[in-house]
C-alpha atoms as a PDB file:
ATOM      1  CA  MET A   1      -8.387  12.677  -9.332  1.00  0.00           C
ATOM      2  CA  ASN A   2      -9.637  15.557  -7.478  1.00  0.00           C
ATOM      3  CA  ARG A   3      -8.303  16.730  -4.208  1.00  0.00           C
ATOM      4  CA  SER A   4     -10.829  15.326  -1.623  1.00  0.00           C
ATOM      5  CA  VAL A   5     -10.182  11.771  -3.243  1.00  0.00           C
ATOM      6  CA  MET A   6      -6.452  12.518  -3.054  1.00  0.00           C
ATOM      7  CA  THR A   7      -6.724  13.638   0.582  1.00  0.00           C
ATOM      8  CA  GLY A   8      -8.625  10.559   1.605  1.00  0.00           C
ATOM      9  CA  LEU A   9      -6.392   8.068   0.097  1.00  0.00           C
ATOM     10  CA  CYS A  10      -3.259   9.935   1.704  1.00  0.00           C
ATOM     11  CA  GLY A  11      -4.950   9.833   5.227  1.00  0.00           C
ATOM     12  CA  ALA A  12      -5.875   6.135   4.406  1.00  0.00           C
ATOM     13  CA  THR A  13      -2.198   5.471   3.851  1.00  0.00           C
ATOM     14  CA  ALA A  14      -1.040   7.464   6.830  1.00  0.00           C
ATOM     15  CA  VAL A  15      -3.208   5.358   9.231  1.00  0.00           C
ATOM     16  CA  ALA A  16      -2.132   2.089   7.507  1.00  0.00           C
ATOM     17  CA  ALA A  17       1.511   3.321   8.196  1.00  0.00           C
ATOM     18  CA  LEU A  18       0.861   4.323  11.650  1.00  0.00           C
ATOM     19  CA  LEU A  19      -0.536   0.757  12.178  1.00  0.00           C
ATOM     20  CA  ALA A  20       2.472  -0.917  10.892  1.00  0.00           C
ATOM     21  CA  LEU A  21       5.331   1.129  12.616  1.00  0.00           C
ATOM     22  CA  ALA A  22       8.011  -1.151  11.803  1.00  0.00           C
ATOM     23  CA  PRO A  23      10.594   0.173   9.442  1.00  0.00           C
ATOM     24  CA  PRO A  24      10.652  -1.184   5.958  1.00  0.00           C
ATOM     25  CA  ALA A  25      12.721  -4.269   5.413  1.00  0.00           C
ATOM     26  CA  GLY A  26      16.319  -3.187   4.421  1.00  0.00           C
ATOM     27  CA  ALA A  27      16.172  -0.158   6.518  1.00  0.00           C
ATOM     28  CA  ASP A  28      18.920   1.686   7.684  1.00  0.00           C
ATOM     29  CA  THR A  29      17.139   3.531  10.699  1.00  0.00           C
ATOM     30  CA  ALA A  30      20.240   4.376  12.516  1.00  0.00           C
ATOM     31  CA  ALA A  31      21.292   6.583   9.760  1.00  0.00           C
ATOM     32  CA  PHE A  32      17.845   8.050   9.210  1.00  0.00           C
ATOM     33  CA  LEU A  33      17.916   8.815  12.983  1.00  0.00           C
ATOM     34  CA  ALA A  34      21.405  10.212  12.824  1.00  0.00           C
ATOM     35  CA  GLY A  35      20.849  12.791  10.173  1.00  0.00           C
ATOM     36  CA  LEU A  36      17.509  13.956  11.763  1.00  0.00           C
ATOM     37  CA  GLU A  37      17.796  13.688  15.473  1.00  0.00           C
ATOM     38  CA  PRO A  38      20.637  16.318  16.278  1.00  0.00           C
ATOM     39  CA  VAL A  39      18.430  18.694  14.029  1.00  0.00           C
ATOM     40  CA  TYR A  40      15.210  18.332  14.823  1.00  0.00           C
ATOM     41  CA  THR A  41      15.399  17.785  18.886  1.00  0.00           C
ATOM     42  CA  SER A  42      11.913  18.786  18.997  1.00  0.00           C
ATOM     43  CA  LEU A  43      10.801  15.394  17.719  1.00  0.00           C
ATOM     44  CA  THR A  44      11.178  12.375  19.545  1.00  0.00           C
ATOM     45  CA  ARG A  45      12.726   9.394  18.082  1.00  0.00           C
ATOM     46  CA  GLU A  46       9.253   7.900  17.766  1.00  0.00           C
ATOM     47  CA  GLN A  47       7.801  10.453  16.169  1.00  0.00           C
ATOM     48  CA  LEU A  48      10.650  10.824  13.301  1.00  0.00           C
ATOM     49  CA  LEU A  49      10.284   6.786  12.825  1.00  0.00           C
ATOM     50  CA  ASN A  50       6.582   7.051  12.505  1.00  0.00           C
ATOM     51  CA  ALA A  51       6.972  10.201   9.929  1.00  0.00           C
ATOM     52  CA  GLY A  52       9.537   7.940   8.144  1.00  0.00           C
ATOM     53  CA  SER A  53       6.923   5.017   8.382  1.00  0.00           C
ATOM     54  CA  ILE A  54       4.350   7.321   7.125  1.00  0.00           C
ATOM     55  CA  SER A  55       6.650   8.783   4.238  1.00  0.00           C
ATOM     56  CA  CYS A  56       7.437   5.507   2.899  1.00  0.00           C
ATOM     57  CA  ALA A  57       4.005   4.137   2.799  1.00  0.00           C
ATOM     58  CA  ILE A  58       2.948   6.791   0.709  1.00  0.00           C
ATOM     59  CA  LEU A  59       5.981   6.997  -1.508  1.00  0.00           C
ATOM     60  CA  ASP A  60       5.515   3.174  -1.885  1.00  0.00           C
ATOM     61  CA  ALA A  61       2.010   3.699  -3.128  1.00  0.00           C
ATOM     62  CA  GLY A  62       3.197   5.719  -5.720  1.00  0.00           C
ATOM     63  CA  GLN A  63       2.636   9.278  -4.506  1.00  0.00           C
ATOM     64  CA  PRO A  64       5.289  11.754  -4.814  1.00  0.00           C
ATOM     65  CA  ALA A  65       7.180  13.397  -2.347  1.00  0.00           C
ATOM     66  CA  PRO A  66       5.169  16.511  -2.117  1.00  0.00           C
ATOM     67  CA  VAL A  67       2.184  14.493  -1.075  1.00  0.00           C
ATOM     68  CA  ALA A  68       4.337  12.781   1.835  1.00  0.00           C
ATOM     69  CA  VAL A  69       5.513  16.177   2.927  1.00  0.00           C
ATOM     70  CA  GLU A  70       2.151  17.556   2.800  1.00  0.00           C
ATOM     71  CA  THR A  71       0.611  14.323   4.945  1.00  0.00           C
ATOM     72  CA  LEU A  72       2.927  14.962   7.656  1.00  0.00           C
ATOM     73  CA  TYR A  73       2.141  18.212   8.018  1.00  0.00           C
ATOM     74  CA  ARG A  74      -1.558  17.362   8.230  1.00  0.00           C
ATOM     75  CA  GLN A  75      -1.332  14.388  10.388  1.00  0.00           C
ATOM     76  CA  MET A  76       1.512  15.350  12.577  1.00  0.00           C
ATOM     77  CA  GLY A  77       2.175  19.147  12.499  1.00  0.00           C
ATOM     78  CA  ILE A  78       5.472  18.887  10.939  1.00  0.00           C
ATOM     79  CA  ALA A  79       6.899  21.864   9.291  1.00  0.00           C
ATOM     80  CA  LEU A  80       6.772  21.605   5.282  1.00  0.00           C
ATOM     81  CA  ALA A  81      10.619  22.087   5.574  1.00  0.00           C
ATOM     82  CA  THR A  82      11.015  19.765   8.186  1.00  0.00           C
ATOM     83  CA  GLY A  83       9.002  17.233   6.044  1.00  0.00           C
ATOM     84  CA  SER A  84      10.645  17.747   3.128  1.00  0.00           C
ATOM     85  CA  ASP A  85      14.098  16.638   4.958  1.00  0.00           C
ATOM     86  CA  ILE A  86      12.164  13.662   6.761  1.00  0.00           C
ATOM     87  CA  VAL A  87      10.753  12.204   3.491  1.00  0.00           C
ATOM     88  CA  SER A  88      14.062  12.520   1.750  1.00  0.00           C
ATOM     89  CA  ALA A  89      15.881  10.834   4.405  1.00  0.00           C
ATOM     90  CA  ALA A  90      13.413   7.999   4.411  1.00  0.00           C
ATOM     91  CA  ALA A  91      13.729   7.494   0.884  1.00  0.00           C
ATOM     92  CA  LEU A  92      17.699   7.548   1.335  1.00  0.00           C
ATOM     93  CA  ASN A  93      17.860   5.388   4.412  1.00  0.00           C
ATOM     94  CA  LEU A  94      14.611   3.176   5.023  1.00  0.00           C
ATOM     95  CA  GLY A  95      14.621   1.682   1.481  1.00  0.00           C
ATOM     96  CA  CYS A  96      11.165   3.277   0.321  1.00  0.00           C
END
């Protein structure tokens, strides 16, 4: 799959995730936020939850974590290291 097709798919997935901002079933949003809010104080609770939802949508679509991290960077301007922590926390706590 070429990069432009993958980018388009990731963008479409991210948009779909933004439209469905509810956390996935079985999500432990309290644990997700508890691990991230004290560290990433420049991001609001809503931004963290949006990033978690985007991450889960991408992971649930079968894409690897680096694709989710890159999407958070492109869509939300989240630094790659921060995005990696968010994707990990989403996979661990949000049921994706």
